[in-house]
Amino acid sequence: MRCLRRCALMLPLSAAISFLAVSCAPTKSSQCSQIIQIANEAGSEASKLTDAGENKNRSALLQAADTMEQAAQDMKALETQDKQLQEYQAGFIRMYRAYSQATREMLKARKDHSLSAAKVAREEVQQAGRLEKQLVTGINNYCHQS
């Protein structure tokens, strides 16, 4: 009888603990939201700093590069369990670092009056832009499918 009472108490308790453990695990939706939030904030801040690419001011461009580097660090700090989201996360990290580095290289080329270095940096920015479009499209499709 004692065992029956103990078992009757343990079964609901273990079920509740299991439910809480599962419900506390990050969902695909919450992981998507975290990645997308960082991406949106970084893009918004960089766009604001550079007036959507129109502002070529050295200080603004350096701040935008810093914003991209911070976004890479923020993205890296996320703990993502979903394998596909881990790939998108890694892609965003590479893209933000590429933007940041290419922006700094472009500013250095401008300072050094090096047309060839400026062209290389510009191509790197364009490659990062193409990667960004692929990542945004991919993660949006992945996160919004059933």
N, C-alpha and C. Protein backbone atom coordinates (compact mmCIF):
# COMPACT_ATOMS: atom_id res chain seq x y z
N MET A 1 0.82 -1.18 0.00
CA MET A 1 0.00 0.00 0.00
C MET A 1 0.87 1.25 0.00
N ARG A 2 1.92 1.20 0.78
CA ARG A 2 2.84 2.32 0.85
C ARG A 2 3.50 2.56 -0.51
N CYS A 3 3.89 1.50 -1.17
CA CYS A 3 4.51 1.60 -2.50
C CYS A 3 3.52 2.16 -3.50
N LEU A 4 2.28 1.78 -3.38
CA LEU A 4 1.26 2.27 -4.29
C LEU A 4 1.08 3.78 -4.14
N ARG A 5 1.06 4.28 -2.91
CA ARG A 5 0.95 5.71 -2.68
C ARG A 5 2.17 6.45 -3.22
N ARG A 6 3.34 5.89 -2.97
CA ARG A 6 4.58 6.52 -3.45
C ARG A 6 4.62 6.54 -4.97
N CYS A 7 4.23 5.44 -5.58
CA CYS A 7 4.20 5.37 -7.05
C CYS A 7 3.15 6.33 -7.61
N ALA A 8 2.02 6.42 -6.93
CA ALA A 8 0.96 7.33 -7.39
C ALA A 8 1.42 8.78 -7.30
N LEU A 9 2.26 9.09 -6.35
CA LEU A 9 2.79 10.44 -6.21
C LEU A 9 3.94 10.69 -7.18
N MET A 10 4.77 9.71 -7.40
CA MET A 10 5.96 9.86 -8.24
C MET A 10 5.61 9.99 -9.72
N LEU A 11 4.60 9.27 -10.16
CA LEU A 11 4.25 9.30 -11.58
C LEU A 11 3.83 10.70 -12.03
N PRO A 12 2.89 11.38 -11.36
CA PRO A 12 2.56 12.74 -11.80
C PRO A 12 3.72 13.71 -11.63
N LEU A 13 4.51 13.52 -10.58
CA LEU A 13 5.65 14.40 -10.35
C LEU A 13 6.68 14.25 -11.46
N SER A 14 6.99 13.04 -11.85
CA SER A 14 7.97 12.84 -12.92
C SER A 14 7.42 13.32 -14.26
N ALA A 15 6.11 13.16 -14.46
CA ALA A 15 5.50 13.67 -15.70
C ALA A 15 5.60 15.19 -15.74
N ALA A 16 5.35 15.84 -14.62
CA ALA A 16 5.44 17.30 -14.56
C ALA A 16 6.87 17.77 -14.82
N ILE A 17 7.83 17.10 -14.23
CA ILE A 17 9.24 17.47 -14.44
C ILE A 17 9.62 17.28 -15.90
N SER A 18 9.19 16.19 -16.49
CA SER A 18 9.49 15.94 -17.90
C SER A 18 8.87 17.02 -18.78
N PHE A 19 7.62 17.38 -18.49
CA PHE A 19 6.95 18.41 -19.25
C PHE A 19 7.69 19.74 -19.15
N LEU A 20 8.10 20.10 -17.95
CA LEU A 20 8.83 21.36 -17.75
C LEU A 20 10.17 21.34 -18.47
N ALA A 21 10.85 20.21 -18.43
CA ALA A 21 12.16 20.11 -19.09
C ALA A 21 12.00 20.28 -20.59
N VAL A 22 10.97 19.67 -21.17
CA VAL A 22 10.75 19.78 -22.60
C VAL A 22 10.27 21.17 -22.97
N SER A 23 9.38 21.73 -22.16
CA SER A 23 8.84 23.05 -22.49
C SER A 23 9.87 24.15 -22.32
N CYS A 24 10.92 23.93 -21.54
CA CYS A 24 11.97 24.94 -21.36
C CYS A 24 13.02 24.88 -22.46
N ALA A 25 13.05 23.79 -23.21
CA ALA A 25 14.01 23.67 -24.31
C ALA A 25 13.66 24.69 -25.39
N PRO A 26 14.67 25.33 -25.97
CA PRO A 26 14.38 26.31 -27.01
C PRO A 26 13.74 25.65 -28.23
N THR A 27 12.70 26.25 -28.73
CA THR A 27 12.03 25.71 -29.90
C THR A 27 12.68 26.26 -31.16
N LYS A 28 12.36 25.64 -32.27
CA LYS A 28 12.85 26.12 -33.56
C LYS A 28 12.41 27.57 -33.74
N SER A 29 11.17 27.84 -33.39
CA SER A 29 10.61 29.18 -33.55
C SER A 29 11.37 30.22 -32.71
N SER A 30 11.67 29.88 -31.47
CA SER A 30 12.39 30.84 -30.61
C SER A 30 13.83 31.02 -31.09
N GLN A 31 14.44 29.96 -31.58
CA GLN A 31 15.81 30.07 -32.10
C GLN A 31 15.82 30.91 -33.37
N CYS A 32 14.81 30.71 -34.23
CA CYS A 32 14.68 31.53 -35.43
C CYS A 32 14.55 33.00 -35.05
N SER A 33 13.68 33.26 -34.08
CA SER A 33 13.43 34.64 -33.65
C SER A 33 14.70 35.31 -33.16
N GLN A 34 15.53 34.58 -32.43
CA GLN A 34 16.77 35.16 -31.91
C GLN A 34 17.71 35.53 -33.05
N ILE A 35 17.87 34.63 -34.01
CA ILE A 35 18.76 34.90 -35.14
C ILE A 35 18.24 36.06 -35.96
N ILE A 36 16.95 36.04 -36.25
CA ILE A 36 16.35 37.09 -37.07
C ILE A 36 16.40 38.44 -36.36
N GLN A 37 16.23 38.44 -35.05
CA GLN A 37 16.29 39.70 -34.30
C GLN A 37 17.68 40.32 -34.40
N ILE A 38 18.71 39.52 -34.23
CA ILE A 38 20.08 40.05 -34.34
C ILE A 38 20.32 40.57 -35.75
N ALA A 39 19.88 39.81 -36.75
CA ALA A 39 20.07 40.23 -38.14
C ALA A 39 19.34 41.54 -38.43
N ASN A 40 18.10 41.64 -37.97
CA ASN A 40 17.33 42.86 -38.20
C ASN A 40 17.95 44.07 -37.50
N GLU A 41 18.37 43.89 -36.26
CA GLU A 41 18.97 44.99 -35.51
C GLU A 41 20.28 45.45 -36.16
N ALA A 42 21.10 44.49 -36.58
CA ALA A 42 22.38 44.85 -37.22
C ALA A 42 22.14 45.59 -38.53
N GLY A 43 21.23 45.07 -39.33
CA GLY A 43 20.94 45.72 -40.61
C GLY A 43 20.35 47.11 -40.43
N SER A 44 19.45 47.23 -39.48
CA SER A 44 18.83 48.53 -39.21
C SER A 44 19.86 49.54 -38.72
N GLU A 45 20.71 49.13 -37.79
CA GLU A 45 21.72 50.03 -37.25
C GLU A 45 22.74 50.45 -38.32
N ALA A 46 23.20 49.50 -39.10
CA ALA A 46 24.18 49.82 -40.16
C ALA A 46 23.55 50.74 -41.20
N SER A 47 22.31 50.48 -41.54
CA SER A 47 21.62 51.32 -42.51
C SER A 47 21.44 52.74 -41.98
N LYS A 48 21.11 52.85 -40.71
CA LYS A 48 20.94 54.16 -40.08
C LYS A 48 22.27 54.92 -40.06
N LEU A 49 23.34 54.23 -39.70
CA LEU A 49 24.65 54.87 -39.62
C LEU A 49 25.15 55.37 -40.97
N THR A 50 24.84 54.63 -42.01
CA THR A 50 25.36 54.96 -43.34
C THR A 50 24.31 55.60 -44.24
N ASP A 51 23.16 55.96 -43.68
CA ASP A 51 22.05 56.50 -44.49
C ASP A 51 21.77 55.59 -45.69
N ALA A 52 21.61 54.31 -45.38
CA ALA A 52 21.32 53.28 -46.40
C ALA A 52 22.39 53.25 -47.49
N GLY A 53 23.65 53.44 -47.09
CA GLY A 53 24.76 53.34 -48.03
C GLY A 53 25.14 54.66 -48.69
N GLU A 54 24.39 55.71 -48.43
CA GLU A 54 24.67 57.01 -49.04
C GLU A 54 25.76 57.78 -48.32
N ASN A 55 25.91 57.57 -47.03
CA ASN A 55 26.90 58.29 -46.23
C ASN A 55 28.24 57.57 -46.34
N LYS A 56 29.21 58.24 -46.89
CA LYS A 56 30.56 57.67 -47.07
C LYS A 56 31.54 58.21 -46.03
N ASN A 57 31.01 58.84 -44.99
CA ASN A 57 31.82 59.40 -43.92
C ASN A 57 32.60 58.29 -43.23
N ARG A 58 33.89 58.51 -43.06
CA ARG A 58 34.78 57.50 -42.46
C ARG A 58 34.28 57.05 -41.08
N SER A 59 33.89 58.00 -40.26
CA SER A 59 33.43 57.68 -38.91
C SER A 59 32.17 56.81 -38.94
N ALA A 60 31.24 57.17 -39.81
CA ALA A 60 29.99 56.39 -39.93
C ALA A 60 30.28 54.97 -40.43
N LEU A 61 31.18 54.88 -41.39
CA LEU A 61 31.52 53.56 -41.93
C LEU A 61 32.24 52.70 -40.90
N LEU A 62 33.10 53.31 -40.10
CA LEU A 62 33.77 52.57 -39.02
C LEU A 62 32.75 52.09 -37.98
N GLN A 63 31.79 52.95 -37.66
CA GLN A 63 30.74 52.54 -36.71
C GLN A 63 29.92 51.39 -37.29
N ALA A 64 29.63 51.44 -38.58
CA ALA A 64 28.89 50.36 -39.23
C ALA A 64 29.70 49.06 -39.19
N ALA A 65 31.01 49.17 -39.41
CA ALA A 65 31.88 47.99 -39.33
C ALA A 65 31.88 47.42 -37.92
N ASP A 66 31.91 48.29 -36.93
CA ASP A 66 31.83 47.85 -35.53
C ASP A 66 30.50 47.17 -35.24
N THR A 67 29.43 47.71 -35.81
CA THR A 67 28.10 47.12 -35.64
C THR A 67 28.07 45.71 -36.22
N MET A 68 28.68 45.54 -37.37
CA MET A 68 28.71 44.21 -38.00
C MET A 68 29.54 43.23 -37.17
N GLU A 69 30.64 43.70 -36.63
CA GLU A 69 31.48 42.83 -35.79
C GLU A 69 30.73 42.45 -34.52
N GLN A 70 30.01 43.39 -33.94
CA GLN A 70 29.22 43.10 -32.74
C GLN A 70 28.10 42.11 -33.07
N ALA A 71 27.49 42.25 -34.23
CA ALA A 71 26.45 41.30 -34.64
C ALA A 71 27.03 39.90 -34.79
N ALA A 72 28.24 39.80 -35.31
CA ALA A 72 28.89 38.49 -35.43
C ALA A 72 29.10 37.88 -34.04
N GLN A 73 29.53 38.69 -33.09
CA GLN A 73 29.73 38.20 -31.73
C GLN A 73 28.41 37.80 -31.07
N ASP A 74 27.39 38.62 -31.28
CA ASP A 74 26.07 38.31 -30.71
C ASP A 74 25.52 37.01 -31.31
N MET A 75 25.71 36.87 -32.61
CA MET A 75 25.23 35.67 -33.29
C MET A 75 25.98 34.44 -32.79
N LYS A 76 27.27 34.58 -32.58
CA LYS A 76 28.09 33.46 -32.10
C LYS A 76 27.69 33.04 -30.68
N ALA A 77 27.22 33.99 -29.89
CA ALA A 77 26.85 33.70 -28.50
C ALA A 77 25.54 32.91 -28.38
N LEU A 78 24.76 32.87 -29.46
CA LEU A 78 23.50 32.12 -29.40
C LEU A 78 23.77 30.63 -29.28
N GLU A 79 22.96 29.97 -28.49
CA GLU A 79 23.05 28.51 -28.37
C GLU A 79 21.92 27.91 -29.18
N THR A 80 22.27 27.44 -30.35
CA THR A 80 21.29 26.91 -31.29
C THR A 80 21.45 25.40 -31.38
N GLN A 81 20.33 24.68 -31.19
CA GLN A 81 20.39 23.22 -31.26
C GLN A 81 20.03 22.69 -32.64
N ASP A 82 19.19 23.39 -33.36
CA ASP A 82 18.74 22.96 -34.68
C ASP A 82 19.92 23.02 -35.66
N LYS A 83 20.21 21.90 -36.30
CA LYS A 83 21.38 21.82 -37.21
C LYS A 83 21.29 22.81 -38.36
N GLN A 84 20.12 22.95 -38.97
CA GLN A 84 19.97 23.88 -40.08
C GLN A 84 20.17 25.32 -39.61
N LEU A 85 19.64 25.64 -38.45
CA LEU A 85 19.81 26.99 -37.91
C LEU A 85 21.26 27.25 -37.54
N GLN A 86 21.98 26.21 -37.12
CA GLN A 86 23.41 26.37 -36.84
C GLN A 86 24.16 26.77 -38.11
N GLU A 87 23.74 26.20 -39.25
CA GLU A 87 24.37 26.56 -40.52
C GLU A 87 24.07 28.01 -40.89
N TYR A 88 22.82 28.42 -40.70
CA TYR A 88 22.49 29.83 -40.97
C TYR A 88 23.24 30.75 -40.03
N GLN A 89 23.30 30.36 -38.78
CA GLN A 89 24.01 31.16 -37.77
C GLN A 89 25.48 31.34 -38.19
N ALA A 90 26.12 30.26 -38.59
CA ALA A 90 27.52 30.33 -39.03
C ALA A 90 27.66 31.20 -40.28
N GLY A 91 26.69 31.12 -41.17
CA GLY A 91 26.70 31.95 -42.37
C GLY A 91 26.60 33.43 -42.04
N PHE A 92 25.71 33.76 -41.11
CA PHE A 92 25.58 35.16 -40.70
C PHE A 92 26.88 35.65 -40.05
N ILE A 93 27.50 34.82 -39.25
CA ILE A 93 28.77 35.21 -38.61
C ILE A 93 29.82 35.52 -39.67
N ARG A 94 29.95 34.61 -40.66
CA ARG A 94 30.92 34.84 -41.75
C ARG A 94 30.59 36.12 -42.51
N MET A 95 29.32 36.32 -42.80
CA MET A 95 28.90 37.49 -43.57
C MET A 95 29.17 38.78 -42.81
N TYR A 96 28.85 38.83 -41.51
CA TYR A 96 29.08 40.05 -40.73
C TYR A 96 30.58 40.35 -40.64
N ARG A 97 31.36 39.32 -40.45
CA ARG A 97 32.82 39.55 -40.37
C ARG A 97 33.37 39.99 -41.71
N ALA A 98 32.85 39.43 -42.80
CA ALA A 98 33.29 39.84 -44.13
C ALA A 98 32.94 41.29 -44.40
N TYR A 99 31.71 41.70 -44.06
CA TYR A 99 31.31 43.10 -44.21
C TYR A 99 32.24 44.01 -43.41
N SER A 100 32.46 43.65 -42.16
CA SER A 100 33.29 44.47 -41.28
C SER A 100 34.70 44.61 -41.84
N GLN A 101 35.30 43.49 -42.20
CA GLN A 101 36.67 43.50 -42.70
C GLN A 101 36.76 44.26 -44.03
N ALA A 102 35.83 44.02 -44.93
CA ALA A 102 35.87 44.68 -46.24
C ALA A 102 35.68 46.20 -46.09
N THR A 103 34.82 46.59 -45.16
CA THR A 103 34.62 48.03 -44.92
C THR A 103 35.91 48.67 -44.43
N ARG A 104 36.58 48.00 -43.52
CA ARG A 104 37.84 48.54 -43.00
C ARG A 104 38.91 48.58 -44.10
N GLU A 105 38.94 47.55 -44.94
CA GLU A 105 39.90 47.52 -46.04
C GLU A 105 39.60 48.64 -47.04
N MET A 106 38.32 48.90 -47.28
CA MET A 106 37.94 49.95 -48.20
C MET A 106 38.38 51.32 -47.67
N LEU A 107 38.19 51.53 -46.38
CA LEU A 107 38.62 52.80 -45.77
C LEU A 107 40.13 52.96 -45.82
N LYS A 108 40.85 51.87 -45.60
CA LYS A 108 42.31 51.91 -45.68
C LYS A 108 42.76 52.21 -47.12
N ALA A 109 42.09 51.57 -48.07
CA ALA A 109 42.44 51.81 -49.47
C ALA A 109 42.18 53.26 -49.85
N ARG A 110 41.10 53.81 -49.35
CA ARG A 110 40.79 55.23 -49.62
C ARG A 110 41.88 56.13 -49.03
N LYS A 111 42.28 55.81 -47.79
CA LYS A 111 43.31 56.61 -47.11
C LYS A 111 44.64 56.52 -47.86
N ASP A 112 44.97 55.31 -48.36
CA ASP A 112 46.24 55.07 -49.07
C ASP A 112 46.16 55.45 -50.55
N HIS A 113 44.99 55.87 -51.00
CA HIS A 113 44.77 56.21 -52.41
C HIS A 113 45.10 55.03 -53.32
N SER A 114 44.69 53.84 -52.88
CA SER A 114 44.95 52.63 -53.66
C SER A 114 43.67 52.17 -54.36
N LEU A 115 43.60 52.46 -55.64
CA LEU A 115 42.43 52.09 -56.42
C LEU A 115 42.25 50.58 -56.49
N SER A 116 43.35 49.85 -56.65
CA SER A 116 43.24 48.39 -56.77
C SER A 116 42.74 47.77 -55.46
N ALA A 117 43.23 48.24 -54.33
CA ALA A 117 42.77 47.72 -53.03
C ALA A 117 41.31 48.09 -52.80
N ALA A 118 40.90 49.26 -53.25
CA ALA A 118 39.51 49.69 -53.11
C ALA A 118 38.59 48.80 -53.94
N LYS A 119 39.04 48.43 -55.14
CA LYS A 119 38.23 47.54 -55.99
C LYS A 119 38.07 46.16 -55.35
N VAL A 120 39.15 45.65 -54.78
CA VAL A 120 39.09 44.35 -54.11
C VAL A 120 38.13 44.41 -52.92
N ALA A 121 38.25 45.45 -52.14
CA ALA A 121 37.37 45.60 -50.97
C ALA A 121 35.91 45.75 -51.41
N ARG A 122 35.70 46.49 -52.48
CA ARG A 122 34.33 46.66 -52.99
C ARG A 122 33.75 45.32 -53.42
N GLU A 123 34.54 44.50 -54.07
CA GLU A 123 34.07 43.17 -54.49
C GLU A 123 33.75 42.31 -53.26
N GLU A 124 34.55 42.43 -52.22
CA GLU A 124 34.29 41.67 -50.99
C GLU A 124 32.98 42.11 -50.33
N VAL A 125 32.71 43.41 -50.36
CA VAL A 125 31.44 43.91 -49.84
C VAL A 125 30.28 43.36 -50.67
N GLN A 126 30.44 43.34 -51.99
CA GLN A 126 29.39 42.83 -52.86
C GLN A 126 29.16 41.33 -52.62
N GLN A 127 30.25 40.57 -52.40
CA GLN A 127 30.10 39.14 -52.10
C GLN A 127 29.36 38.94 -50.79
N ALA A 128 29.68 39.76 -49.78
CA ALA A 128 28.98 39.67 -48.50
C ALA A 128 27.50 40.02 -48.69
N GLY A 129 27.22 40.97 -49.56
CA GLY A 129 25.83 41.33 -49.85
C GLY A 129 25.07 40.20 -50.51
N ARG A 130 25.72 39.50 -51.42
CA ARG A 130 25.06 38.34 -52.06
C ARG A 130 24.81 37.24 -51.03
N LEU A 131 25.79 37.01 -50.16
CA LEU A 131 25.63 36.01 -49.11
C LEU A 131 24.49 36.40 -48.18
N GLU A 132 24.40 37.69 -47.86
CA GLU A 132 23.33 38.17 -46.98
C GLU A 132 21.96 37.86 -47.58
N LYS A 133 21.79 38.14 -48.87
CA LYS A 133 20.51 37.87 -49.53
C LYS A 133 20.17 36.38 -49.46
N GLN A 134 21.15 35.52 -49.71
CA GLN A 134 20.92 34.08 -49.64
C GLN A 134 20.53 33.64 -48.24
N LEU A 135 21.24 34.18 -47.24
CA LEU A 135 20.97 33.81 -45.85
C LEU A 135 19.58 34.26 -45.42
N VAL A 136 19.23 35.48 -45.75
CA VAL A 136 17.93 36.02 -45.35
C VAL A 136 16.81 35.22 -46.00
N THR A 137 16.94 34.97 -47.29
CA THR A 137 15.92 34.18 -47.98
C THR A 137 15.83 32.78 -47.40
N GLY A 138 16.98 32.16 -47.18
CA GLY A 138 17.01 30.80 -46.66
C GLY A 138 16.41 30.68 -45.27
N ILE A 139 16.83 31.55 -44.37
CA ILE A 139 16.34 31.44 -43.00
C ILE A 139 14.85 31.79 -42.93
N ASN A 140 14.42 32.76 -43.72
CA ASN A 140 12.99 33.09 -43.73
C ASN A 140 12.16 31.90 -44.22
N ASN A 141 12.61 31.27 -45.29
CA ASN A 141 11.90 30.09 -45.80
C ASN A 141 11.89 28.96 -44.77
N TYR A 142 13.04 28.72 -44.17
CA TYR A 142 13.16 27.62 -43.20
C TYR A 142 12.32 27.89 -41.96
N CYS A 143 12.36 29.09 -41.47
CA CYS A 143 11.67 29.41 -40.22
C CYS A 143 10.17 29.54 -40.38
N HIS A 144 9.71 29.81 -41.58
CA HIS A 144 8.28 30.01 -41.77
C HIS A 144 7.59 28.82 -42.41
N GLN A 145 8.30 27.71 -42.55
CA GLN A 145 7.63 26.50 -43.05
C GLN A 145 7.03 25.76 -41.87
N SER A 146 6.06 24.97 -42.14
CA SER A 146 5.34 24.25 -41.06
C SER A 146 6.19 23.21 -40.40
